[in-house]
Amino acid sequence: MTEEQLTRGPGRPPQLSIETIVNAALESGANELTVRGLARRLDVTHKALYRWVGDRDGLLDLISDHLLERVLTRTTQTPTDDWRTWLRSLGRLLRAEFLPVADAEVLTQFPRETNTYKELQQQAEAVMNDHELTQEQARDSFTVFLFTVWGWIAAEKLCAEQPDHEKTFTAMLDALTRGLPSPPSH
């Protein structure tokens, strides 16, 4: 969702912005992540916030879109060497954006299948297709990749005291991408 899609009509200038809403939502715990609770946190009426997000699902979609948009702007359309390297880079970007998100319970609400999510999925599948994976291999590989990375991020949130998360995350990405299918032989 863009700022343009959320623009208000004439009247008082908005006190809210996507950035303000997302930042306040990310500071909330899972139990506080409601439209009414967030409105209190932002010191606006819940009706004002409902105009921006509609309901809790709209709020979660807004957060997901915002974070995935930041990932999308940092990914390259075409990998410099191979698709596995590109996927590992994508995994690191996802971890960098979503790991700081509130708590593990909030993380279980993501990823949301929003337009931005679908755009990221299409981009990943296109990269794999360019390297001769079939459409089915690309779709399955993206799904396995995304949910493995997602599970890792949630587990890392729960086990924050464990040392060397960066090192073990890199090892996990390497093992994961090596285990994904290779293009069919010609």
N, C-alpha and C. Protein backbone atom coordinates (compact mmCIF):
# COMPACT_ATOMS: atom_id res chain seq x y z
N MET A 1 0.84 -1.17 0.00
CA MET A 1 0.00 0.00 0.00
C MET A 1 0.89 1.24 0.00
N THR A 2 0.61 2.17 -0.83
CA THR A 2 1.43 3.37 -0.92
C THR A 2 0.78 4.51 -0.17
N GLU A 3 1.56 5.55 0.07
CA GLU A 3 1.02 6.76 0.70
C GLU A 3 -0.15 7.29 -0.12
N GLU A 4 0.01 7.22 -1.46
CA GLU A 4 -1.01 7.73 -2.36
C GLU A 4 -2.34 7.01 -2.16
N GLN A 5 -2.29 5.67 -1.97
CA GLN A 5 -3.50 4.89 -1.78
C GLN A 5 -4.17 5.24 -0.46
N LEU A 6 -3.40 5.74 0.48
CA LEU A 6 -3.94 6.03 1.80
C LEU A 6 -4.20 7.52 2.02
N THR A 7 -4.12 8.30 0.99
CA THR A 7 -4.29 9.75 1.11
C THR A 7 -5.71 10.09 1.56
N ARG A 8 -5.78 11.00 2.46
CA ARG A 8 -7.08 11.47 2.95
C ARG A 8 -7.60 12.59 2.07
N GLY A 9 -8.86 12.86 2.20
CA GLY A 9 -9.51 13.94 1.47
C GLY A 9 -9.20 15.29 2.11
N PRO A 10 -9.95 16.32 1.71
CA PRO A 10 -9.71 17.65 2.25
C PRO A 10 -10.04 17.71 3.74
N GLY A 11 -9.49 18.66 4.41
CA GLY A 11 -9.71 18.82 5.85
C GLY A 11 -8.40 19.05 6.55
N ARG A 12 -8.38 18.71 7.83
CA ARG A 12 -7.15 18.87 8.61
C ARG A 12 -6.03 18.02 8.02
N PRO A 13 -4.80 18.48 8.12
CA PRO A 13 -3.70 17.66 7.64
C PRO A 13 -3.62 16.39 8.50
N PRO A 14 -3.26 15.27 7.91
CA PRO A 14 -3.23 14.03 8.67
C PRO A 14 -2.16 14.04 9.76
N GLN A 15 -2.50 13.48 10.91
CA GLN A 15 -1.52 13.31 11.99
C GLN A 15 -0.78 12.00 11.79
N LEU A 16 -1.32 11.16 10.92
CA LEU A 16 -0.77 9.83 10.72
C LEU A 16 -0.07 9.72 9.38
N SER A 17 0.87 8.83 9.32
CA SER A 17 1.52 8.46 8.07
C SER A 17 1.79 6.96 8.15
N ILE A 18 2.09 6.36 7.03
CA ILE A 18 2.41 4.93 7.03
C ILE A 18 3.57 4.67 7.97
N GLU A 19 4.59 5.49 7.87
CA GLU A 19 5.78 5.33 8.71
C GLU A 19 5.44 5.38 10.20
N THR A 20 4.62 6.36 10.58
CA THR A 20 4.21 6.51 11.98
C THR A 20 3.44 5.28 12.46
N ILE A 21 2.49 4.84 11.65
CA ILE A 21 1.66 3.68 12.01
C ILE A 21 2.53 2.44 12.14
N VAL A 22 3.38 2.19 11.14
CA VAL A 22 4.22 0.99 11.15
C VAL A 22 5.18 1.01 12.33
N ASN A 23 5.84 2.13 12.57
CA ASN A 23 6.78 2.21 13.68
C ASN A 23 6.10 1.95 15.02
N ALA A 24 4.94 2.54 15.23
CA ALA A 24 4.21 2.31 16.48
C ALA A 24 3.75 0.87 16.59
N ALA A 25 3.30 0.31 15.49
CA ALA A 25 2.84 -1.09 15.50
C ALA A 25 4.00 -2.03 15.81
N LEU A 26 5.18 -1.75 15.26
CA LEU A 26 6.33 -2.62 15.49
C LEU A 26 6.84 -2.55 16.92
N GLU A 27 6.53 -1.48 17.61
CA GLU A 27 6.91 -1.35 19.01
C GLU A 27 5.93 -2.05 19.94
N SER A 28 4.80 -2.45 19.40
CA SER A 28 3.75 -3.10 20.20
C SER A 28 4.00 -4.60 20.30
N GLY A 29 3.58 -5.18 21.40
CA GLY A 29 3.61 -6.62 21.53
C GLY A 29 2.37 -7.20 20.87
N ALA A 30 2.34 -8.52 20.71
CA ALA A 30 1.23 -9.18 20.02
C ALA A 30 -0.11 -8.87 20.68
N ASN A 31 -0.14 -8.83 22.01
CA ASN A 31 -1.40 -8.57 22.71
C ASN A 31 -1.88 -7.14 22.53
N GLU A 32 -0.97 -6.22 22.24
CA GLU A 32 -1.33 -4.81 22.07
C GLU A 32 -1.56 -4.45 20.61
N LEU A 33 -1.32 -5.39 19.71
CA LEU A 33 -1.41 -5.07 18.29
C LEU A 33 -2.85 -5.20 17.79
N THR A 34 -3.65 -4.24 18.22
CA THR A 34 -5.02 -4.10 17.76
C THR A 34 -5.16 -2.68 17.23
N VAL A 35 -6.17 -2.46 16.43
CA VAL A 35 -6.36 -1.11 15.89
C VAL A 35 -6.66 -0.13 17.03
N ARG A 36 -7.52 -0.54 17.96
CA ARG A 36 -7.84 0.35 19.09
C ARG A 36 -6.61 0.60 19.97
N GLY A 37 -5.86 -0.46 20.27
CA GLY A 37 -4.66 -0.30 21.08
C GLY A 37 -3.62 0.58 20.41
N LEU A 38 -3.46 0.40 19.11
CA LEU A 38 -2.51 1.21 18.36
C LEU A 38 -2.98 2.66 18.30
N ALA A 39 -4.28 2.87 18.16
CA ALA A 39 -4.82 4.24 18.14
C ALA A 39 -4.50 4.95 19.46
N ARG A 40 -4.67 4.22 20.58
CA ARG A 40 -4.32 4.81 21.89
C ARG A 40 -2.83 5.16 21.93
N ARG A 41 -2.01 4.25 21.45
CA ARG A 41 -0.57 4.46 21.45
C ARG A 41 -0.20 5.69 20.61
N LEU A 42 -0.90 5.89 19.50
CA LEU A 42 -0.64 7.02 18.61
C LEU A 42 -1.36 8.30 19.02
N ASP A 43 -2.19 8.18 20.05
CA ASP A 43 -2.98 9.31 20.54
C ASP A 43 -3.89 9.89 19.46
N VAL A 44 -4.56 8.97 18.75
CA VAL A 44 -5.57 9.35 17.77
C VAL A 44 -6.81 8.50 18.05
N THR A 45 -7.92 8.86 17.46
CA THR A 45 -9.11 8.04 17.65
C THR A 45 -8.99 6.77 16.82
N HIS A 46 -9.66 5.72 17.29
CA HIS A 46 -9.60 4.48 16.51
C HIS A 46 -10.26 4.67 15.15
N LYS A 47 -11.24 5.57 15.05
CA LYS A 47 -11.86 5.85 13.76
C LYS A 47 -10.85 6.45 12.78
N ALA A 48 -9.98 7.32 13.28
CA ALA A 48 -8.95 7.91 12.41
C ALA A 48 -8.02 6.83 11.89
N LEU A 49 -7.65 5.91 12.73
CA LEU A 49 -6.75 4.83 12.32
C LEU A 49 -7.47 3.85 11.39
N TYR A 50 -8.74 3.58 11.64
CA TYR A 50 -9.51 2.69 10.77
C TYR A 50 -9.55 3.21 9.34
N ARG A 51 -9.51 4.53 9.16
CA ARG A 51 -9.49 5.09 7.81
C ARG A 51 -8.23 4.69 7.06
N TRP A 52 -7.16 4.45 7.79
CA TRP A 52 -5.89 4.07 7.18
C TRP A 52 -5.77 2.57 6.96
N VAL A 53 -6.23 1.77 7.94
CA VAL A 53 -5.95 0.33 7.88
C VAL A 53 -7.19 -0.55 7.85
N GLY A 54 -8.36 -0.05 8.13
CA GLY A 54 -9.58 -0.86 8.08
C GLY A 54 -9.77 -1.74 9.30
N ASP A 55 -8.89 -2.72 9.49
CA ASP A 55 -8.99 -3.63 10.61
C ASP A 55 -7.60 -4.20 10.92
N ARG A 56 -7.55 -5.17 11.84
CA ARG A 56 -6.25 -5.74 12.23
C ARG A 56 -5.53 -6.37 11.03
N ASP A 57 -6.29 -7.07 10.19
CA ASP A 57 -5.67 -7.65 8.99
C ASP A 57 -5.08 -6.56 8.10
N GLY A 58 -5.80 -5.46 7.95
CA GLY A 58 -5.29 -4.34 7.17
C GLY A 58 -4.02 -3.77 7.78
N LEU A 59 -3.98 -3.73 9.11
CA LEU A 59 -2.79 -3.25 9.82
C LEU A 59 -1.61 -4.19 9.55
N LEU A 60 -1.84 -5.49 9.67
CA LEU A 60 -0.77 -6.46 9.42
C LEU A 60 -0.31 -6.42 7.96
N ASP A 61 -1.26 -6.24 7.03
CA ASP A 61 -0.89 -6.11 5.62
C ASP A 61 -0.03 -4.87 5.40
N LEU A 62 -0.39 -3.77 6.05
CA LEU A 62 0.37 -2.53 5.92
C LEU A 62 1.81 -2.72 6.42
N ILE A 63 1.95 -3.37 7.57
CA ILE A 63 3.29 -3.62 8.12
C ILE A 63 4.09 -4.51 7.17
N SER A 64 3.49 -5.61 6.74
CA SER A 64 4.16 -6.54 5.85
C SER A 64 4.58 -5.86 4.55
N ASP A 65 3.64 -5.12 3.94
CA ASP A 65 3.96 -4.41 2.70
C ASP A 65 5.12 -3.44 2.90
N HIS A 66 5.08 -2.71 3.99
CA HIS A 66 6.12 -1.72 4.26
C HIS A 66 7.50 -2.38 4.36
N LEU A 67 7.58 -3.46 5.12
CA LEU A 67 8.87 -4.14 5.30
C LEU A 67 9.31 -4.85 4.01
N LEU A 68 8.38 -5.50 3.33
CA LEU A 68 8.73 -6.18 2.08
C LEU A 68 9.12 -5.19 1.00
N GLU A 69 8.50 -4.03 1.00
CA GLU A 69 8.87 -2.98 0.04
C GLU A 69 10.32 -2.57 0.26
N ARG A 70 10.74 -2.48 1.51
CA ARG A 70 12.14 -2.14 1.81
C ARG A 70 13.07 -3.24 1.32
N VAL A 71 12.64 -4.49 1.42
CA VAL A 71 13.44 -5.61 0.89
C VAL A 71 13.50 -5.51 -0.64
N LEU A 72 12.36 -5.29 -1.26
CA LEU A 72 12.30 -5.22 -2.73
C LEU A 72 13.20 -4.12 -3.28
N THR A 73 13.24 -2.97 -2.63
CA THR A 73 14.06 -1.88 -3.14
C THR A 73 15.55 -2.18 -3.02
N ARG A 74 15.89 -3.15 -2.19
CA ARG A 74 17.30 -3.48 -1.99
C ARG A 74 17.74 -4.73 -2.76
N THR A 75 16.80 -5.42 -3.41
CA THR A 75 17.17 -6.60 -4.19
C THR A 75 17.49 -6.18 -5.62
N THR A 76 18.33 -6.95 -6.24
CA THR A 76 18.64 -6.69 -7.64
C THR A 76 17.73 -7.55 -8.50
N GLN A 77 17.39 -7.05 -9.65
CA GLN A 77 16.51 -7.80 -10.56
C GLN A 77 17.19 -9.06 -11.07
N THR A 78 18.47 -8.97 -11.34
CA THR A 78 19.19 -10.12 -11.88
C THR A 78 20.42 -10.40 -11.03
N PRO A 79 20.62 -11.66 -10.69
CA PRO A 79 21.79 -11.98 -9.87
C PRO A 79 23.08 -11.82 -10.68
N THR A 80 24.14 -11.53 -9.97
CA THR A 80 25.42 -11.35 -10.65
C THR A 80 26.07 -12.69 -10.99
N ASP A 81 25.81 -13.73 -10.18
CA ASP A 81 26.40 -15.02 -10.53
C ASP A 81 25.31 -16.08 -10.67
N ASP A 82 24.79 -16.61 -9.60
CA ASP A 82 23.75 -17.62 -9.76
C ASP A 82 22.56 -17.37 -8.85
N TRP A 83 21.49 -18.07 -9.10
CA TRP A 83 20.25 -17.84 -8.38
C TRP A 83 20.36 -18.22 -6.91
N ARG A 84 21.20 -19.18 -6.56
CA ARG A 84 21.36 -19.56 -5.16
C ARG A 84 22.00 -18.41 -4.36
N THR A 85 22.99 -17.76 -4.95
CA THR A 85 23.61 -16.60 -4.32
C THR A 85 22.59 -15.48 -4.15
N TRP A 86 21.76 -15.27 -5.18
CA TRP A 86 20.71 -14.26 -5.11
C TRP A 86 19.74 -14.58 -3.98
N LEU A 87 19.33 -15.84 -3.85
CA LEU A 87 18.41 -16.23 -2.77
C LEU A 87 19.03 -16.03 -1.39
N ARG A 88 20.30 -16.37 -1.25
CA ARG A 88 20.96 -16.16 0.05
C ARG A 88 20.96 -14.67 0.41
N SER A 89 21.21 -13.83 -0.58
CA SER A 89 21.17 -12.39 -0.35
C SER A 89 19.76 -11.95 0.05
N LEU A 90 18.74 -12.48 -0.61
CA LEU A 90 17.36 -12.18 -0.25
C LEU A 90 17.07 -12.62 1.18
N GLY A 91 17.55 -13.79 1.57
CA GLY A 91 17.35 -14.27 2.94
C GLY A 91 17.95 -13.32 3.97
N ARG A 92 19.15 -12.82 3.69
CA ARG A 92 19.78 -11.88 4.61
C ARG A 92 18.98 -10.57 4.70
N LEU A 93 18.44 -10.11 3.56
CA LEU A 93 17.62 -8.89 3.57
C LEU A 93 16.33 -9.09 4.36
N LEU A 94 15.68 -10.23 4.18
CA LEU A 94 14.45 -10.52 4.94
C LEU A 94 14.74 -10.55 6.43
N ARG A 95 15.82 -11.20 6.80
CA ARG A 95 16.20 -11.27 8.23
C ARG A 95 16.48 -9.87 8.78
N ALA A 96 17.19 -9.06 8.02
CA ALA A 96 17.52 -7.71 8.47
C ALA A 96 16.27 -6.86 8.68
N GLU A 97 15.27 -7.02 7.84
CA GLU A 97 14.05 -6.21 7.97
C GLU A 97 13.08 -6.75 9.01
N PHE A 98 12.92 -8.06 9.09
CA PHE A 98 11.88 -8.62 9.95
C PHE A 98 12.36 -9.02 11.34
N LEU A 99 13.64 -9.28 11.53
CA LEU A 99 14.12 -9.67 12.86
C LEU A 99 13.84 -8.61 13.92
N PRO A 100 14.03 -7.33 13.60
CA PRO A 100 13.74 -6.31 14.62
C PRO A 100 12.24 -6.15 14.95
N VAL A 101 11.36 -6.80 14.19
CA VAL A 101 9.92 -6.66 14.39
C VAL A 101 9.52 -7.19 15.76
N ALA A 102 8.82 -6.35 16.50
CA ALA A 102 8.20 -6.65 17.79
C ALA A 102 8.65 -7.95 18.43
N ASP A 103 7.77 -8.93 18.50
CA ASP A 103 8.10 -10.18 19.18
C ASP A 103 7.75 -11.37 18.30
N ALA A 104 8.11 -12.56 18.77
CA ALA A 104 7.91 -13.78 17.98
C ALA A 104 6.43 -13.99 17.66
N GLU A 105 5.54 -13.62 18.56
CA GLU A 105 4.10 -13.79 18.29
C GLU A 105 3.65 -12.91 17.14
N VAL A 106 4.16 -11.71 17.05
CA VAL A 106 3.82 -10.83 15.94
C VAL A 106 4.40 -11.41 14.64
N LEU A 107 5.61 -11.95 14.73
CA LEU A 107 6.24 -12.53 13.54
C LEU A 107 5.42 -13.68 12.96
N THR A 108 4.69 -14.40 13.80
CA THR A 108 3.89 -15.51 13.28
C THR A 108 2.78 -15.02 12.36
N GLN A 109 2.48 -13.74 12.37
CA GLN A 109 1.45 -13.17 11.51
C GLN A 109 1.98 -12.87 10.09
N PHE A 110 3.27 -13.05 9.87
CA PHE A 110 3.88 -12.74 8.59
C PHE A 110 4.46 -14.00 7.98
N PRO A 111 4.79 -14.04 6.72
CA PRO A 111 4.53 -13.04 5.71
C PRO A 111 3.06 -13.05 5.30
N ARG A 112 2.56 -11.94 4.90
CA ARG A 112 1.18 -11.79 4.44
C ARG A 112 1.19 -11.84 2.92
N GLU A 113 0.23 -12.48 2.32
CA GLU A 113 0.19 -12.58 0.86
C GLU A 113 -0.43 -11.32 0.25
N THR A 114 0.30 -10.24 0.38
CA THR A 114 -0.12 -8.94 -0.16
C THR A 114 0.43 -8.80 -1.58
N ASN A 115 0.13 -7.70 -2.22
CA ASN A 115 0.66 -7.45 -3.56
C ASN A 115 2.18 -7.36 -3.54
N THR A 116 2.74 -6.77 -2.50
CA THR A 116 4.20 -6.66 -2.40
C THR A 116 4.82 -8.04 -2.24
N TYR A 117 4.19 -8.90 -1.44
CA TYR A 117 4.66 -10.28 -1.29
C TYR A 117 4.64 -10.97 -2.65
N LYS A 118 3.55 -10.83 -3.38
CA LYS A 118 3.44 -11.48 -4.69
C LYS A 118 4.49 -10.94 -5.65
N GLU A 119 4.78 -9.65 -5.57
CA GLU A 119 5.82 -9.06 -6.41
C GLU A 119 7.19 -9.66 -6.08
N LEU A 120 7.48 -9.83 -4.80
CA LEU A 120 8.73 -10.46 -4.39
C LEU A 120 8.79 -11.90 -4.87
N GLN A 121 7.69 -12.63 -4.73
CA GLN A 121 7.63 -14.01 -5.19
C GLN A 121 7.87 -14.09 -6.70
N GLN A 122 7.23 -13.22 -7.46
CA GLN A 122 7.41 -13.21 -8.92
C GLN A 122 8.86 -12.90 -9.29
N GLN A 123 9.46 -11.97 -8.56
CA GLN A 123 10.85 -11.61 -8.85
C GLN A 123 11.76 -12.81 -8.58
N ALA A 124 11.56 -13.48 -7.46
CA ALA A 124 12.39 -14.65 -7.12
C ALA A 124 12.19 -15.77 -8.14
N GLU A 125 10.94 -16.02 -8.50
CA GLU A 125 10.67 -17.08 -9.48
C GLU A 125 11.26 -16.73 -10.84
N ALA A 126 11.23 -15.45 -11.22
CA ALA A 126 11.82 -15.03 -12.50
C ALA A 126 13.33 -15.26 -12.50
N VAL A 127 13.98 -14.96 -11.38
CA VAL A 127 15.42 -15.19 -11.28
C VAL A 127 15.71 -16.68 -11.45
N MET A 128 14.92 -17.53 -10.80
CA MET A 128 15.15 -18.98 -10.92
C MET A 128 14.81 -19.48 -12.32
N ASN A 129 13.74 -18.94 -12.92
CA ASN A 129 13.39 -19.32 -14.30
C ASN A 129 14.50 -18.93 -15.27
N ASP A 130 15.12 -17.77 -15.04
CA ASP A 130 16.23 -17.33 -15.90
C ASP A 130 17.40 -18.30 -15.85
N HIS A 131 17.46 -19.06 -14.78
CA HIS A 131 18.53 -20.06 -14.64
C HIS A 131 18.00 -21.47 -14.90
N GLU A 132 16.94 -21.51 -15.70
CA GLU A 132 16.39 -22.74 -16.26
C GLU A 132 15.69 -23.67 -15.28
N LEU A 133 15.28 -23.18 -14.12
CA LEU A 133 14.41 -23.99 -13.29
C LEU A 133 13.02 -23.93 -13.90
N THR A 134 12.27 -24.99 -13.77
CA THR A 134 10.90 -24.97 -14.27
C THR A 134 10.07 -24.06 -13.38
N GLN A 135 8.90 -23.66 -13.87
CA GLN A 135 8.01 -22.81 -13.07
C GLN A 135 7.66 -23.51 -11.76
N GLU A 136 7.39 -24.80 -11.81
CA GLU A 136 7.04 -25.55 -10.60
C GLU A 136 8.22 -25.61 -9.63
N GLN A 137 9.42 -25.87 -10.14
CA GLN A 137 10.61 -25.88 -9.29
C GLN A 137 10.83 -24.52 -8.64
N ALA A 138 10.66 -23.45 -9.41
CA ALA A 138 10.86 -22.10 -8.88
C ALA A 138 9.84 -21.79 -7.80
N ARG A 139 8.57 -22.10 -8.04
CA ARG A 139 7.51 -21.82 -7.06
C ARG A 139 7.75 -22.63 -5.78
N ASP A 140 8.04 -23.92 -5.93
CA ASP A 140 8.28 -24.76 -4.75
C ASP A 140 9.53 -24.32 -4.00
N SER A 141 10.57 -23.97 -4.73
CA SER A 141 11.82 -23.53 -4.10
C SER A 141 11.62 -22.24 -3.32
N PHE A 142 10.87 -21.30 -3.89
CA PHE A 142 10.60 -20.05 -3.18
C PHE A 142 9.81 -20.31 -1.90
N THR A 143 8.81 -21.16 -1.99
CA THR A 143 7.99 -21.48 -0.81
C THR A 143 8.84 -22.11 0.29
N VAL A 144 9.63 -23.10 -0.05
CA VAL A 144 10.51 -23.76 0.93
C VAL A 144 11.49 -22.75 1.51
N PHE A 145 12.10 -21.97 0.64
CA PHE A 145 13.07 -20.97 1.07
C PHE A 145 12.45 -19.97 2.03
N LEU A 146 11.32 -19.39 1.63
CA LEU A 146 10.70 -18.34 2.44
C LEU A 146 10.28 -18.86 3.81
N PHE A 147 9.63 -20.01 3.86
CA PHE A 147 9.16 -20.48 5.15
C PHE A 147 10.28 -21.01 6.03
N THR A 148 11.37 -21.46 5.44
CA THR A 148 12.54 -21.84 6.24
C THR A 148 13.18 -20.59 6.85
N VAL A 149 13.36 -19.56 6.04
CA VAL A 149 13.93 -18.30 6.54
C VAL A 149 13.00 -17.72 7.60
N TRP A 150 11.70 -17.77 7.34
CA TRP A 150 10.73 -17.25 8.29
C TRP A 150 10.79 -17.97 9.62
N GLY A 151 10.84 -19.30 9.57
CA GLY A 151 10.95 -20.09 10.79
C GLY A 151 12.21 -19.75 11.56
N TRP A 152 13.29 -19.54 10.82
CA TRP A 152 14.56 -19.16 11.47
C TRP A 152 14.41 -17.84 12.20
N ILE A 153 13.82 -16.85 11.55
CA ILE A 153 13.68 -15.52 12.16
C ILE A 153 12.86 -15.63 13.45
N ALA A 154 11.75 -16.35 13.41
CA ALA A 154 10.92 -16.51 14.61
C ALA A 154 11.68 -17.25 15.71
N ALA A 155 12.40 -18.31 15.34
CA ALA A 155 13.18 -19.07 16.34
C ALA A 155 14.28 -18.20 16.93
N GLU A 156 14.91 -17.39 16.11
CA GLU A 156 15.97 -16.50 16.60
C GLU A 156 15.41 -15.50 17.61
N LYS A 157 14.19 -15.03 17.36
CA LYS A 157 13.55 -14.11 18.30
C LYS A 157 13.31 -14.79 19.64
N LEU A 158 12.91 -16.06 19.59
CA LEU A 158 12.63 -16.81 20.83
C LEU A 158 13.89 -17.18 21.59
N CYS A 159 15.00 -17.35 20.87
CA CYS A 159 16.26 -17.80 21.49
C CYS A 159 17.33 -16.73 21.35
N ALA A 160 16.98 -15.52 21.71
CA ALA A 160 17.87 -14.37 21.50
C ALA A 160 19.21 -14.53 22.22
N GLU A 161 19.25 -15.32 23.29
CA GLU A 161 20.50 -15.44 24.05
C GLU A 161 21.52 -16.39 23.42
N GLN A 162 21.13 -17.10 22.37
CA GLN A 162 22.05 -18.01 21.70
C GLN A 162 23.13 -17.21 20.97
N PRO A 163 24.39 -17.67 21.05
CA PRO A 163 25.47 -16.94 20.38
C PRO A 163 25.52 -17.25 18.88
N ASP A 164 26.19 -16.39 18.15
CA ASP A 164 26.52 -16.61 16.73
C ASP A 164 25.33 -16.85 15.81
N HIS A 165 24.25 -16.12 16.01
CA HIS A 165 23.10 -16.27 15.11
C HIS A 165 23.49 -15.98 13.66
N GLU A 166 24.30 -14.96 13.47
CA GLU A 166 24.70 -14.59 12.10
C GLU A 166 25.42 -15.74 11.42
N LYS A 167 26.37 -16.34 12.11
CA LYS A 167 27.15 -17.44 11.54
C LYS A 167 26.27 -18.65 11.23
N THR A 168 25.39 -19.02 12.15
CA THR A 168 24.54 -20.18 11.92
C THR A 168 23.46 -19.89 10.88
N PHE A 169 23.00 -18.65 10.80
CA PHE A 169 22.03 -18.28 9.77
C PHE A 169 22.68 -18.42 8.39
N THR A 170 23.90 -17.95 8.25
CA THR A 170 24.62 -18.08 6.99
C THR A 170 24.81 -19.55 6.62
N ALA A 171 25.17 -20.37 7.59
CA ALA A 171 25.33 -21.81 7.33
C ALA A 171 24.00 -22.44 6.92
N MET A 172 22.91 -22.03 7.57
CA MET A 172 21.59 -22.55 7.22
C MET A 172 21.22 -22.15 5.79
N LEU A 173 21.45 -20.88 5.42
CA LEU A 173 21.15 -20.43 4.06
C LEU A 173 21.95 -21.21 3.02
N ASP A 174 23.23 -21.45 3.32
CA ASP A 174 24.07 -22.22 2.39
C ASP A 174 23.52 -23.63 2.21
N ALA A 175 23.21 -24.30 3.31
CA ALA A 175 22.69 -25.66 3.23
C ALA A 175 21.33 -25.69 2.53
N LEU A 176 20.47 -24.74 2.86
CA LEU A 176 19.14 -24.67 2.26
C LEU A 176 19.23 -24.50 0.74
N THR A 177 20.01 -23.54 0.30
CA THR A 177 20.06 -23.26 -1.14
C THR A 177 20.77 -24.38 -1.91
N ARG A 178 21.75 -25.06 -1.30
CA ARG A 178 22.38 -26.21 -1.96
C ARG A 178 21.38 -27.35 -2.14
N GLY A 179 20.42 -27.45 -1.21
CA GLY A 179 19.45 -28.54 -1.27
C GLY A 179 18.27 -28.29 -2.19
N LEU A 180 18.15 -27.07 -2.72
CA LEU A 180 17.06 -26.79 -3.65
C LEU A 180 17.35 -27.44 -5.00
N PRO A 181 16.33 -27.72 -5.79
CA PRO A 181 16.53 -28.47 -7.04
C PRO A 181 17.41 -27.73 -8.04
N SER A 182 18.05 -28.52 -8.86
CA SER A 182 18.85 -27.99 -9.98
C SER A 182 17.99 -27.98 -11.22
N PRO A 183 18.38 -27.16 -12.19
CA PRO A 183 17.63 -27.17 -13.45
C PRO A 183 17.63 -28.57 -14.07
N PRO A 184 16.57 -28.91 -14.77
CA PRO A 184 16.54 -30.23 -15.42
C PRO A 184 17.64 -30.34 -16.47
N SER A 185 18.16 -31.55 -16.65
CA SER A 185 19.22 -31.78 -17.66
C SER A 185 18.63 -31.68 -19.05
N HIS A 186 19.44 -31.22 -19.96
CA HIS A 186 18.97 -31.10 -21.37
C HIS A 186 19.29 -32.35 -22.11
